[in-house]
């Protein structure tokens, strides 16, 4: 479990960003806006300092993901990932100058002084992408959870370093655990949405024992499954698992301030609605990527900003304690 983080301040927090730092943040925000529409949609609800920090985290994470997903030879990917880990070490050691030529490093270095971001979470992300490069597969859900915690749970804990928790919030000691679990819910939803795309890249993430149980061990390389395969049954099984993770992870919302809670509610709400669509029409993920139209994303954002999701989760949590 990650330690509780109260408030956005850091013991060595810097002053207002200088022009080079603002330029670096602008670069990261441009990367986020062009590469991660759902993520960008959520963080626009944050105040400027938190939005900038989240963009820096995303830009660094995107760099790691792009190495893993690219077309380089495996040995070159391994070398690039270790170079990125070394850069992270320089950021952690405060060895990045404001005039450094790498804007992502400049922005993340500033953000990590501004907020108590647990940068070891980015080491975990690199570990997860190394699992991809090595072609690891997963026999059980417990095996897959290790991967999901590296590539998504860690992002939840990193984000919590930016958000902080509301001082005195009940159950705040478990905020890191809830953030981690919500990351697992988002990642499992991603895995379901991308089964066809991942299969095309030679990757299968769903647990082998689940694939065997539903007759889907041959994989997802076409729009039609083999005779006897219960693809809908497999999807519904994983959807139930993801829903349970969302229920637990959503307990983070009442622990955050209004705008941070709105950001998390918006991002998580988009993925939860994607999960609803996948549940209604499992075969859709074999035809292409399932997504939400802009008006539906806007509705989710309004719900988040109104605090409706946070209040609902808070009431449910209070009933559990009674």
Foldseek 3Di string as FASTA:
>chain_A
DDFAFADFAAPQADDDDDPLLVVLLVVLLVCCVVPPVLLNLLLVLDPPLLSSLLSLVVVLLVVLVCLLPDDDQLVVSVVVLVVSVVLLVCLVVLVDDSPDPNSSSNSNSNSVSGWVFPSVLVVLLSVLSNCSSVQDEAADVVRLLSSLLNNFLSSLSRSCRRFGFHPPDPPSRCLSVLSSLLRSLLVLLVLLQQQQVQVVVVHHYPHCVLCVVQVNNVGQPALDGDPRGDQLVSLVVSLVVSVVSCLSSLQNLLGTPLSSSLSVQLSSVQSNVSSVVCNVPVSVSSVHGDGDDPVVSVVSSVCSNVCVSVVVSVVVVVVVVD
